[in-house]
mmCIF file of all heavy atoms, coordinates in Angstrom:
data_MODEL
# 
_entry.id   MODEL 
# 
loop_
_atom_site.group_PDB 
_atom_site.id 
_atom_site.type_symbol 
_atom_site.label_atom_id 
_atom_site.label_alt_id 
_atom_site.label_comp_id 
_atom_site.label_asym_id 
_atom_site.label_entity_id 
_atom_site.label_seq_id 
_atom_site.pdbx_PDB_ins_code 
_atom_site.Cartn_x 
_atom_site.Cartn_y 
_atom_site.Cartn_z 
_atom_site.occupancy 
_atom_site.B_iso_or_equiv 
_atom_site.pdbx_formal_charge 
_atom_site.auth_seq_id 
_atom_site.auth_comp_id 
_atom_site.auth_asym_id 
_atom_site.auth_atom_id 
_atom_site.pdbx_PDB_model_num 
ATOM 1   N N   . ILE A 1 1  ? -60.181 -80.005 -46.309 1.00 0.00 ? 1  ILE A N   1 
ATOM 2   C CA  . ILE A 1 1  ? -60.481 -79.455 -44.982 1.00 0.00 ? 1  ILE A CA  1 
ATOM 3   C C   . ILE A 1 1  ? -62.002 -79.308 -44.822 1.00 0.00 ? 1  ILE A C   1 
ATOM 4   O O   . ILE A 1 1  ? -62.682 -78.759 -45.692 1.00 0.00 ? 1  ILE A O   1 
ATOM 5   C CB  . ILE A 1 1  ? -59.823 -78.051 -44.843 1.00 0.00 ? 1  ILE A CB  1 
ATOM 6   C CG1 . ILE A 1 1  ? -58.322 -78.163 -45.110 1.00 0.00 ? 1  ILE A CG1 1 
ATOM 7   C CG2 . ILE A 1 1  ? -60.054 -77.507 -43.425 1.00 0.00 ? 1  ILE A CG2 1 
ATOM 8   C CD1 . ILE A 1 1  ? -57.639 -76.805 -45.235 1.00 0.00 ? 1  ILE A CD1 1 
ATOM 9   N N   . GLU A 1 2  ? -62.528 -79.807 -43.744 1.00 0.00 ? 2  GLU A N   1 
ATOM 10  C CA  . GLU A 1 2  ? -63.965 -79.708 -43.527 1.00 0.00 ? 2  GLU A CA  1 
ATOM 11  C C   . GLU A 1 2  ? -64.279 -79.662 -42.032 1.00 0.00 ? 2  GLU A C   1 
ATOM 12  O O   . GLU A 1 2  ? -63.507 -80.132 -41.195 1.00 0.00 ? 2  GLU A O   1 
ATOM 13  C CB  . GLU A 1 2  ? -64.718 -80.877 -44.150 1.00 0.00 ? 2  GLU A CB  1 
ATOM 14  C CG  . GLU A 1 2  ? -64.355 -82.226 -43.608 1.00 0.00 ? 2  GLU A CG  1 
ATOM 15  C CD  . GLU A 1 2  ? -65.127 -83.364 -44.267 1.00 0.00 ? 2  GLU A CD  1 
ATOM 16  O OE1 . GLU A 1 2  ? -65.610 -83.173 -45.404 1.00 0.00 ? 2  GLU A OE1 1 
ATOM 17  O OE2 . GLU A 1 2  ? -65.279 -84.417 -43.640 1.00 0.00 ? 2  GLU A OE2 1 
ATOM 18  N N   . ILE A 1 3  ? -65.439 -79.055 -41.747 1.00 0.00 ? 3  ILE A N   1 
ATOM 19  C CA  . ILE A 1 3  ? -65.936 -78.995 -40.365 1.00 0.00 ? 3  ILE A CA  1 
ATOM 20  C C   . ILE A 1 3  ? -66.660 -80.308 -40.109 1.00 0.00 ? 3  ILE A C   1 
ATOM 21  O O   . ILE A 1 3  ? -67.632 -80.666 -40.801 1.00 0.00 ? 3  ILE A O   1 
ATOM 22  C CB  . ILE A 1 3  ? -66.884 -77.809 -40.162 1.00 0.00 ? 3  ILE A CB  1 
ATOM 23  C CG1 . ILE A 1 3  ? -66.116 -76.505 -40.343 1.00 0.00 ? 3  ILE A CG1 1 
ATOM 24  C CG2 . ILE A 1 3  ? -67.537 -77.843 -38.791 1.00 0.00 ? 3  ILE A CG2 1 
ATOM 25  C CD1 . ILE A 1 3  ? -66.987 -75.259 -40.250 1.00 0.00 ? 3  ILE A CD1 1 
ATOM 26  N N   . VAL A 1 4  ? -66.199 -81.042 -39.126 1.00 0.00 ? 4  VAL A N   1 
ATOM 27  C CA  . VAL A 1 4  ? -66.780 -82.352 -38.796 1.00 0.00 ? 4  VAL A CA  1 
ATOM 28  C C   . VAL A 1 4  ? -67.993 -82.180 -37.858 1.00 0.00 ? 4  VAL A C   1 
ATOM 29  O O   . VAL A 1 4  ? -68.999 -82.859 -38.022 1.00 0.00 ? 4  VAL A O   1 
ATOM 30  C CB  . VAL A 1 4  ? -65.731 -83.262 -38.145 1.00 0.00 ? 4  VAL A CB  1 
ATOM 31  C CG1 . VAL A 1 4  ? -66.367 -84.597 -37.747 1.00 0.00 ? 4  VAL A CG1 1 
ATOM 32  C CG2 . VAL A 1 4  ? -64.547 -83.453 -39.093 1.00 0.00 ? 4  VAL A CG2 1 
ATOM 33  N N   . SER A 1 5  ? -67.869 -81.316 -36.914 1.00 0.00 ? 5  SER A N   1 
ATOM 34  C CA  . SER A 1 5  ? -69.006 -81.087 -35.978 1.00 0.00 ? 5  SER A CA  1 
ATOM 35  C C   . SER A 1 5  ? -68.955 -79.673 -35.448 1.00 0.00 ? 5  SER A C   1 
ATOM 36  O O   . SER A 1 5  ? -67.912 -79.011 -35.452 1.00 0.00 ? 5  SER A O   1 
ATOM 37  C CB  . SER A 1 5  ? -68.913 -82.093 -34.815 1.00 0.00 ? 5  SER A CB  1 
ATOM 38  O OG  . SER A 1 5  ? -67.774 -81.863 -34.012 1.00 0.00 ? 5  SER A OG  1 
ATOM 39  N N   . PHE A 1 6  ? -70.117 -79.204 -35.008 1.00 0.00 ? 6  PHE A N   1 
ATOM 40  C CA  . PHE A 1 6  ? -70.266 -77.883 -34.432 1.00 0.00 ? 6  PHE A CA  1 
ATOM 41  C C   . PHE A 1 6  ? -71.168 -78.029 -33.214 1.00 0.00 ? 6  PHE A C   1 
ATOM 42  O O   . PHE A 1 6  ? -72.366 -78.249 -33.356 1.00 0.00 ? 6  PHE A O   1 
ATOM 43  C CB  . PHE A 1 6  ? -70.876 -76.939 -35.472 1.00 0.00 ? 6  PHE A CB  1 
ATOM 44  C CG  . PHE A 1 6  ? -70.861 -75.499 -35.083 1.00 0.00 ? 6  PHE A CG  1 
ATOM 45  C CD1 . PHE A 1 6  ? -69.767 -74.685 -35.397 1.00 0.00 ? 6  PHE A CD1 1 
ATOM 46  C CD2 . PHE A 1 6  ? -71.922 -74.925 -34.374 1.00 0.00 ? 6  PHE A CD2 1 
ATOM 47  C CE1 . PHE A 1 6  ? -69.754 -73.358 -35.024 1.00 0.00 ? 6  PHE A CE1 1 
ATOM 48  C CE2 . PHE A 1 6  ? -71.889 -73.579 -34.009 1.00 0.00 ? 6  PHE A CE2 1 
ATOM 49  C CZ  . PHE A 1 6  ? -70.813 -72.801 -34.342 1.00 0.00 ? 6  PHE A CZ  1 
ATOM 50  N N   . ASP A 1 7  ? -70.608 -77.990 -32.040 1.00 0.00 ? 7  ASP A N   1 
ATOM 51  C CA  . ASP A 1 7  ? -71.358 -78.250 -30.821 1.00 0.00 ? 7  ASP A CA  1 
ATOM 52  C C   . ASP A 1 7  ? -71.657 -76.947 -30.075 1.00 0.00 ? 7  ASP A C   1 
ATOM 53  O O   . ASP A 1 7  ? -70.729 -76.174 -29.767 1.00 0.00 ? 7  ASP A O   1 
ATOM 54  C CB  . ASP A 1 7  ? -70.592 -79.202 -29.891 1.00 0.00 ? 7  ASP A CB  1 
ATOM 55  C CG  . ASP A 1 7  ? -70.459 -80.609 -30.488 1.00 0.00 ? 7  ASP A CG  1 
ATOM 56  O OD1 . ASP A 1 7  ? -71.405 -81.011 -31.168 1.00 0.00 ? 7  ASP A OD1 1 
ATOM 57  O OD2 . ASP A 1 7  ? -69.394 -81.227 -30.308 1.00 0.00 ? 7  ASP A OD2 1 
ATOM 58  N N   . LEU A 1 8  ? -72.945 -76.748 -29.807 1.00 0.00 ? 8  LEU A N   1 
ATOM 59  C CA  . LEU A 1 8  ? -73.376 -75.558 -29.077 1.00 0.00 ? 8  LEU A CA  1 
ATOM 60  C C   . LEU A 1 8  ? -73.533 -75.904 -27.600 1.00 0.00 ? 8  LEU A C   1 
ATOM 61  O O   . LEU A 1 8  ? -74.351 -76.732 -27.238 1.00 0.00 ? 8  LEU A O   1 
ATOM 62  C CB  . LEU A 1 8  ? -74.698 -75.042 -29.630 1.00 0.00 ? 8  LEU A CB  1 
ATOM 63  C CG  . LEU A 1 8  ? -74.731 -74.806 -31.153 1.00 0.00 ? 8  LEU A CG  1 
ATOM 64  C CD1 . LEU A 1 8  ? -76.121 -74.384 -31.584 1.00 0.00 ? 8  LEU A CD1 1 
ATOM 65  C CD2 . LEU A 1 8  ? -73.707 -73.762 -31.544 1.00 0.00 ? 8  LEU A CD2 1 
ATOM 66  N N   . THR A 1 9  ? -72.742 -75.284 -26.747 1.00 0.00 ? 9  THR A N   1 
ATOM 67  C CA  . THR A 1 9  ? -72.869 -75.568 -25.326 1.00 0.00 ? 9  THR A CA  1 
ATOM 68  C C   . THR A 1 9  ? -73.688 -74.480 -24.609 1.00 0.00 ? 9  THR A C   1 
ATOM 69  O O   . THR A 1 9  ? -74.316 -74.726 -23.614 1.00 0.00 ? 9  THR A O   1 
ATOM 70  C CB  . THR A 1 9  ? -71.479 -75.638 -24.676 1.00 0.00 ? 9  THR A CB  1 
ATOM 71  O OG1 . THR A 1 9  ? -70.756 -74.413 -24.976 1.00 0.00 ? 9  THR A OG1 1 
ATOM 72  C CG2 . THR A 1 9  ? -70.697 -76.812 -25.240 1.00 0.00 ? 9  THR A CG2 1 
ATOM 73  N N   . GLN A 1 10 ? -73.690 -73.307 -25.170 1.00 0.00 ? 10 GLN A N   1 
ATOM 74  C CA  . GLN A 1 10 ? -74.397 -72.200 -24.514 1.00 0.00 ? 10 GLN A CA  1 
ATOM 75  C C   . GLN A 1 10 ? -74.815 -71.184 -25.589 1.00 0.00 ? 10 GLN A C   1 
ATOM 76  O O   . GLN A 1 10 ? -74.070 -70.905 -26.537 1.00 0.00 ? 10 GLN A O   1 
ATOM 77  C CB  . GLN A 1 10 ? -73.491 -71.516 -23.474 1.00 0.00 ? 10 GLN A CB  1 
ATOM 78  C CG  . GLN A 1 10 ? -74.176 -70.401 -22.703 1.00 0.00 ? 10 GLN A CG  1 
ATOM 79  C CD  . GLN A 1 10 ? -73.217 -69.738 -21.702 1.00 0.00 ? 10 GLN A CD  1 
ATOM 80  O OE1 . GLN A 1 10 ? -72.102 -70.200 -21.509 1.00 0.00 ? 10 GLN A OE1 1 
ATOM 81  N NE2 . GLN A 1 10 ? -73.636 -68.626 -21.165 1.00 0.00 ? 10 GLN A NE2 1 
ATOM 82  N N   . SER A 1 11 ? -76.016 -70.644 -25.426 1.00 0.00 ? 11 SER A N   1 
ATOM 83  C CA  . SER A 1 11 ? -76.475 -69.615 -26.366 1.00 0.00 ? 11 SER A CA  1 
ATOM 84  C C   . SER A 1 11 ? -77.377 -68.645 -25.632 1.00 0.00 ? 11 SER A C   1 
ATOM 85  O O   . SER A 1 11 ? -78.027 -68.979 -24.633 1.00 0.00 ? 11 SER A O   1 
ATOM 86  C CB  . SER A 1 11 ? -77.201 -70.234 -27.556 1.00 0.00 ? 11 SER A CB  1 
ATOM 87  O OG  . SER A 1 11 ? -78.333 -70.963 -27.114 1.00 0.00 ? 11 SER A OG  1 
ATOM 88  N N   . THR A 1 12 ? -77.440 -67.436 -26.121 1.00 0.00 ? 12 THR A N   1 
ATOM 89  C CA  . THR A 1 12 ? -78.320 -66.417 -25.543 1.00 0.00 ? 12 THR A CA  1 
ATOM 90  C C   . THR A 1 12 ? -79.071 -65.732 -26.681 1.00 0.00 ? 12 THR A C   1 
ATOM 91  O O   . THR A 1 12 ? -78.782 -65.962 -27.851 1.00 0.00 ? 12 THR A O   1 
ATOM 92  C CB  . THR A 1 12 ? -77.516 -65.381 -24.745 1.00 0.00 ? 12 THR A CB  1 
ATOM 93  O OG1 . THR A 1 12 ? -76.600 -64.698 -25.629 1.00 0.00 ? 12 THR A OG1 1 
ATOM 94  C CG2 . THR A 1 12 ? -76.732 -66.028 -23.616 1.00 0.00 ? 12 THR A CG2 1 
ATOM 95  N N   . LEU A 1 13 ? -80.018 -64.908 -26.311 1.00 0.00 ? 13 LEU A N   1 
ATOM 96  C CA  . LEU A 1 13 ? -80.807 -64.215 -27.305 1.00 0.00 ? 13 LEU A CA  1 
ATOM 97  C C   . LEU A 1 13 ? -80.995 -62.760 -26.885 1.00 0.00 ? 13 LEU A C   1 
ATOM 98  O O   . LEU A 1 13 ? -81.252 -62.448 -25.720 1.00 0.00 ? 13 LEU A O   1 
ATOM 99  C CB  . LEU A 1 13 ? -82.180 -64.867 -27.441 1.00 0.00 ? 13 LEU A CB  1 
ATOM 100 C CG  . LEU A 1 13 ? -83.114 -64.261 -28.483 1.00 0.00 ? 13 LEU A CG  1 
ATOM 101 C CD1 . LEU A 1 13 ? -82.590 -64.557 -29.894 1.00 0.00 ? 13 LEU A CD1 1 
ATOM 102 C CD2 . LEU A 1 13 ? -84.522 -64.770 -28.323 1.00 0.00 ? 13 LEU A CD2 1 
ATOM 103 N N   . GLU A 1 14 ? -80.866 -61.873 -27.868 1.00 0.00 ? 14 GLU A N   1 
ATOM 104 C CA  . GLU A 1 14 ? -81.167 -60.470 -27.639 1.00 0.00 ? 14 GLU A CA  1 
ATOM 105 C C   . GLU A 1 14 ? -82.283 -60.040 -28.579 1.00 0.00 ? 14 GLU A C   1 
ATOM 106 O O   . GLU A 1 14 ? -82.389 -60.556 -29.696 1.00 0.00 ? 14 GLU A O   1 
ATOM 107 C CB  . GLU A 1 14 ? -79.937 -59.579 -27.934 1.00 0.00 ? 14 GLU A CB  1 
ATOM 108 C CG  . GLU A 1 14 ? -78.700 -59.859 -27.120 1.00 0.00 ? 14 GLU A CG  1 
ATOM 109 C CD  . GLU A 1 14 ? -77.536 -59.048 -27.632 1.00 0.00 ? 14 GLU A CD  1 
ATOM 110 O OE1 . GLU A 1 14 ? -77.718 -57.843 -27.947 1.00 0.00 ? 14 GLU A OE1 1 
ATOM 111 O OE2 . GLU A 1 14 ? -76.425 -59.631 -27.766 1.00 0.00 ? 14 GLU A OE2 1 
ATOM 112 N N   . THR A 1 15 ? -83.114 -59.138 -28.128 1.00 0.00 ? 15 THR A N   1 
ATOM 113 C CA  . THR A 1 15 ? -84.027 -58.454 -29.040 1.00 0.00 ? 15 THR A CA  1 
ATOM 114 C C   . THR A 1 15 ? -83.741 -56.980 -28.905 1.00 0.00 ? 15 THR A C   1 
ATOM 115 O O   . THR A 1 15 ? -83.460 -56.470 -27.799 1.00 0.00 ? 15 THR A O   1 
ATOM 116 C CB  . THR A 1 15 ? -85.488 -58.722 -28.685 1.00 0.00 ? 15 THR A CB  1 
ATOM 117 O OG1 . THR A 1 15 ? -85.731 -58.425 -27.298 1.00 0.00 ? 15 THR A OG1 1 
ATOM 118 C CG2 . THR A 1 15 ? -85.862 -60.174 -28.960 1.00 0.00 ? 15 THR A CG2 1 
ATOM 119 N N   . SER A 1 16 ? -83.777 -56.290 -30.024 1.00 0.00 ? 16 SER A N   1 
ATOM 120 C CA  . SER A 1 16 ? -83.407 -54.882 -30.035 1.00 0.00 ? 16 SER A CA  1 
ATOM 121 C C   . SER A 1 16 ? -84.388 -54.102 -30.886 1.00 0.00 ? 16 SER A C   1 
ATOM 122 O O   . SER A 1 16 ? -84.700 -54.514 -32.000 1.00 0.00 ? 16 SER A O   1 
ATOM 123 C CB  . SER A 1 16 ? -81.969 -54.721 -30.554 1.00 0.00 ? 16 SER A CB  1 
ATOM 124 O OG  . SER A 1 16 ? -81.604 -53.352 -30.656 1.00 0.00 ? 16 SER A OG  1 
ATOM 125 N N   . ALA A 1 17 ? -84.897 -53.012 -30.344 1.00 0.00 ? 17 ALA A N   1 
ATOM 126 C CA  . ALA A 1 17 ? -85.840 -52.178 -31.084 1.00 0.00 ? 17 ALA A CA  1 
ATOM 127 C C   . ALA A 1 17 ? -85.170 -51.624 -32.329 1.00 0.00 ? 17 ALA A C   1 
ATOM 128 O O   . ALA A 1 17 ? -83.972 -51.313 -32.316 1.00 0.00 ? 17 ALA A O   1 
ATOM 129 C CB  . ALA A 1 17 ? -86.347 -51.047 -30.169 1.00 0.00 ? 17 ALA A CB  1 
ATOM 130 N N   . PRO A 1 18 ? -85.885 -51.480 -33.435 1.00 0.00 ? 18 PRO A N   1 
ATOM 131 C CA  . PRO A 1 18 ? -87.329 -51.762 -33.519 1.00 0.00 ? 18 PRO A CA  1 
ATOM 132 C C   . PRO A 1 18 ? -87.670 -53.206 -33.888 1.00 0.00 ? 18 PRO A C   1 
ATOM 133 O O   . PRO A 1 18 ? -88.731 -53.659 -33.564 1.00 0.00 ? 18 PRO A O   1 
ATOM 134 C CB  . PRO A 1 18 ? -87.793 -50.798 -34.630 1.00 0.00 ? 18 PRO A CB  1 
ATOM 135 C CG  . PRO A 1 18 ? -86.615 -50.717 -35.537 1.00 0.00 ? 18 PRO A CG  1 
ATOM 136 C CD  . PRO A 1 18 ? -85.395 -50.778 -34.657 1.00 0.00 ? 18 PRO A CD  1 
ATOM 137 N N   . ASN A 1 19 ? -86.771 -53.929 -34.561 1.00 0.00 ? 19 ASN A N   1 
ATOM 138 C CA  . ASN A 1 19 ? -87.219 -55.251 -35.032 1.00 0.00 ? 19 ASN A CA  1 
ATOM 139 C C   . ASN A 1 19 ? -86.031 -56.204 -35.255 1.00 0.00 ? 19 ASN A C   1 
ATOM 140 O O   . ASN A 1 19 ? -85.975 -56.875 -36.276 1.00 0.00 ? 19 ASN A O   1 
ATOM 141 C CB  . ASN A 1 19 ? -88.028 -55.126 -36.328 1.00 0.00 ? 19 ASN A CB  1 
ATOM 142 C CG  . ASN A 1 19 ? -87.335 -54.346 -37.420 1.00 0.00 ? 19 ASN A CG  1 
ATOM 143 O OD1 . ASN A 1 19 ? -86.175 -53.953 -37.256 1.00 0.00 ? 19 ASN A OD1 1 
ATOM 144 N ND2 . ASN A 1 19 ? -87.996 -54.138 -38.530 1.00 0.00 ? 19 ASN A ND2 1 
ATOM 145 N N   . LEU A 1 20 ? -85.116 -56.251 -34.297 1.00 0.00 ? 20 LEU A N   1 
ATOM 146 C CA  . LEU A 1 20 ? -83.956 -57.136 -34.446 1.00 0.00 ? 20 LEU A CA  1 
ATOM 147 C C   . LEU A 1 20 ? -84.076 -58.332 -33.495 1.00 0.00 ? 20 LEU A C   1 
ATOM 148 O O   . LEU A 1 20 ? -84.478 -58.204 -32.355 1.00 0.00 ? 20 LEU A O   1 
ATOM 149 C CB  . LEU A 1 20 ? -82.670 -56.394 -34.137 1.00 0.00 ? 20 LEU A CB  1 
ATOM 150 C CG  . LEU A 1 20 ? -82.130 -55.458 -35.241 1.00 0.00 ? 20 LEU A CG  1 
ATOM 151 C CD1 . LEU A 1 20 ? -80.837 -54.781 -34.760 1.00 0.00 ? 20 LEU A CD1 1 
ATOM 152 C CD2 . LEU A 1 20 ? -81.894 -56.199 -36.518 1.00 0.00 ? 20 LEU A CD2 1 
ATOM 153 N N   . PHE A 1 21 ? -83.708 -59.483 -34.032 1.00 0.00 ? 21 PHE A N   1 
ATOM 154 C CA  . PHE A 1 21 ? -83.710 -60.760 -33.345 1.00 0.00 ? 21 PHE A CA  1 
ATOM 155 C C   . PHE A 1 21 ? -82.275 -61.246 -33.401 1.00 0.00 ? 21 PHE A C   1 
ATOM 156 O O   . PHE A 1 21 ? -81.757 -61.485 -34.489 1.00 0.00 ? 21 PHE A O   1 
ATOM 157 C CB  . PHE A 1 21 ? -84.691 -61.691 -34.059 1.00 0.00 ? 21 PHE A CB  1 
ATOM 158 C CG  . PHE A 1 21 ? -84.781 -63.095 -33.568 1.00 0.00 ? 21 PHE A CG  1 
ATOM 159 C CD1 . PHE A 1 21 ? -85.509 -63.409 -32.441 1.00 0.00 ? 21 PHE A CD1 1 
ATOM 160 C CD2 . PHE A 1 21 ? -84.175 -64.125 -34.274 1.00 0.00 ? 21 PHE A CD2 1 
ATOM 161 C CE1 . PHE A 1 21 ? -85.614 -64.721 -31.997 1.00 0.00 ? 21 PHE A CE1 1 
ATOM 162 C CE2 . PHE A 1 21 ? -84.264 -65.440 -33.839 1.00 0.00 ? 21 PHE A CE2 1 
ATOM 163 C CZ  . PHE A 1 21 ? -85.006 -65.727 -32.697 1.00 0.00 ? 21 PHE A CZ  1 
ATOM 164 N N   . ILE A 1 22 ? -81.540 -61.329 -32.264 1.00 0.00 ? 22 ILE A N   1 
ATOM 165 C CA  . ILE A 1 22 ? -80.109 -61.550 -32.309 1.00 0.00 ? 22 ILE A CA  1 
ATOM 166 C C   . ILE A 1 22 ? -79.724 -62.792 -31.497 1.00 0.00 ? 22 ILE A C   1 
ATOM 167 O O   . ILE A 1 22 ? -79.592 -62.726 -30.276 1.00 0.00 ? 22 ILE A O   1 
ATOM 168 C CB  . ILE A 1 22 ? -79.342 -60.337 -31.757 1.00 0.00 ? 22 ILE A CB  1 
ATOM 169 C CG1 . ILE A 1 22 ? -79.851 -59.046 -32.422 1.00 0.00 ? 22 ILE A CG1 1 
ATOM 170 C CG2 . ILE A 1 22 ? -77.840 -60.513 -31.952 1.00 0.00 ? 22 ILE A CG2 1 
ATOM 171 C CD1 . ILE A 1 22 ? -79.328 -57.791 -31.764 1.00 0.00 ? 22 ILE A CD1 1 
ATOM 172 N N   . PRO A 1 23 ? -79.559 -63.952 -32.152 1.00 0.00 ? 23 PRO A N   1 
ATOM 173 C CA  . PRO A 1 23 ? -79.052 -65.123 -31.426 1.00 0.00 ? 23 PRO A CA  1 
ATOM 174 C C   . PRO A 1 23 ? -77.535 -65.023 -31.246 1.00 0.00 ? 23 PRO A C   1 
ATOM 175 O O   . PRO A 1 23 ? -76.810 -64.582 -32.139 1.00 0.00 ? 23 PRO A O   1 
ATOM 176 C CB  . PRO A 1 23 ? -79.435 -66.291 -32.353 1.00 0.00 ? 23 PRO A CB  1 
ATOM 177 C CG  . PRO A 1 23 ? -79.617 -65.707 -33.692 1.00 0.00 ? 23 PRO A CG  1 
ATOM 178 C CD  . PRO A 1 23 ? -79.954 -64.251 -33.517 1.00 0.00 ? 23 PRO A CD  1 
ATOM 179 N N   . ASN A 1 24 ? -77.065 -65.443 -30.084 1.00 0.00 ? 24 ASN A N   1 
ATOM 180 C CA  . ASN A 1 24 ? -75.634 -65.457 -29.787 1.00 0.00 ? 24 ASN A CA  1 
ATOM 181 C C   . ASN A 1 24 ? -75.215 -66.853 -29.398 1.00 0.00 ? 24 ASN A C   1 
ATOM 182 O O   . ASN A 1 24 ? -75.813 -67.499 -28.530 1.00 0.00 ? 24 ASN A O   1 
ATOM 183 C CB  . ASN A 1 24 ? -75.331 -64.511 -28.609 1.00 0.00 ? 24 ASN A CB  1 
ATOM 184 C CG  . ASN A 1 24 ? -75.558 -63.062 -28.918 1.00 0.00 ? 24 ASN A CG  1 
ATOM 185 O OD1 . ASN A 1 24 ? -74.761 -62.417 -29.586 1.00 0.00 ? 24 ASN A OD1 1 
ATOM 186 N ND2 . ASN A 1 24 ? -76.697 -62.527 -28.446 1.00 0.00 ? 24 ASN A ND2 1 
ATOM 187 N N   . VAL A 1 25 ? -74.160 -67.338 -30.026 1.00 0.00 ? 25 VAL A N   1 
ATOM 188 C CA  . VAL A 1 25 ? -73.542 -68.608 -29.661 1.00 0.00 ? 25 VAL A CA  1 
ATOM 189 C C   . VAL A 1 25 ? -72.323 -68.293 -28.791 1.00 0.00 ? 25 VAL A C   1 
ATOM 190 O O   . VAL A 1 25 ? -71.464 -67.503 -29.180 1.00 0.00 ? 25 VAL A O   1 
ATOM 191 C CB  . VAL A 1 25 ? -73.128 -69.418 -30.907 1.00 0.00 ? 25 VAL A CB  1 
ATOM 192 C CG1 . VAL A 1 25 ? -72.367 -70.662 -30.506 1.00 0.00 ? 25 VAL A CG1 1 
ATOM 193 C CG2 . VAL A 1 25 ? -74.348 -69.766 -31.732 1.00 0.00 ? 25 VAL A CG2 1 
ATOM 194 N N   . VAL A 1 26 ? -72.266 -68.909 -27.608 1.00 0.00 ? 26 VAL A N   1 
ATOM 195 C CA  . VAL A 1 26 ? -71.208 -68.587 -26.648 1.00 0.00 ? 26 VAL A CA  1 
ATOM 196 C C   . VAL A 1 26 ? -70.436 -69.876 -26.337 1.00 0.00 ? 26 VAL A C   1 
ATOM 197 O O   . VAL A 1 26 ? -71.014 -70.911 -25.996 1.00 0.00 ? 26 VAL A O   1 
ATOM 198 C CB  . VAL A 1 26 ? -71.778 -67.992 -25.363 1.00 0.00 ? 26 VAL A CB  1 
ATOM 199 C CG1 . VAL A 1 26 ? -70.651 -67.667 -24.376 1.00 0.00 ? 26 VAL A CG1 1 
ATOM 200 C CG2 . VAL A 1 26 ? -72.609 -66.763 -25.659 1.00 0.00 ? 26 VAL A CG2 1 
ATOM 201 N N   . ASP A 1 27 ? -69.082 -69.802 -26.481 1.00 0.00 ? 27 ASP A N   1 
ATOM 202 C CA  . ASP A 1 27 ? -68.194 -70.884 -26.072 1.00 0.00 ? 27 ASP A CA  1 
ATOM 203 C C   . ASP A 1 27 ? -68.575 -72.213 -26.737 1.00 0.00 ? 27 ASP A C   1 
ATOM 204 O O   . ASP A 1 27 ? -68.577 -73.260 -26.120 1.00 0.00 ? 27 ASP A O   1 
ATOM 205 C CB  . ASP A 1 27 ? -68.230 -71.037 -24.536 1.00 0.00 ? 27 ASP A CB  1 
ATOM 206 C CG  . ASP A 1 27 ? -67.012 -71.782 -24.053 1.00 0.00 ? 27 ASP A CG  1 
ATOM 207 O OD1 . ASP A 1 27 ? -65.972 -71.744 -24.717 1.00 0.00 ? 27 ASP A OD1 1 
ATOM 208 O OD2 . ASP A 1 27 ? -67.105 -72.405 -22.956 1.00 0.00 ? 27 ASP A OD2 1 
ATOM 209 N N   . ALA A 1 28 ? -68.822 -72.163 -28.052 1.00 0.00 ? 28 ALA A N   1 
ATOM 210 C CA  . ALA A 1 28 ? -69.071 -73.391 -28.801 1.00 0.00 ? 28 ALA A CA  1 
ATOM 211 C C   . ALA A 1 28 ? -67.747 -74.054 -29.155 1.00 0.00 ? 28 ALA A C   1 
ATOM 212 O O   . ALA A 1 28 ? -66.668 -73.480 -28.955 1.00 0.00 ? 28 ALA A O   1 
ATOM 213 C CB  . ALA A 1 28 ? -69.875 -73.062 -30.052 1.00 0.00 ? 28 ALA A CB  1 
ATOM 214 N N   . SER A 1 29 ? -67.830 -75.272 -29.681 1.00 0.00 ? 29 SER A N   1 
ATOM 215 C CA  . SER A 1 29 ? -66.635 -75.958 -30.107 1.00 0.00 ? 29 SER A CA  1 
ATOM 216 C C   . SER A 1 29 ? -66.846 -76.493 -31.535 1.00 0.00 ? 29 SER A C   1 
ATOM 217 O O   . SER A 1 29 ? -67.962 -76.894 -31.896 1.00 0.00 ? 29 SER A O   1 
ATOM 218 C CB  . SER A 1 29 ? -66.294 -77.115 -29.161 1.00 0.00 ? 29 SER A CB  1 
ATOM 219 O OG  . SER A 1 29 ? -67.340 -78.043 -29.104 1.00 0.00 ? 29 SER A OG  1 
# 
């Protein structure tokens, strides 16, 4: 069993005090 592909169709980004960097992958396949 293996992952053949990972397609990102939409992504967002959050920053949160004091020092967080938060990428979000939305509705990927």
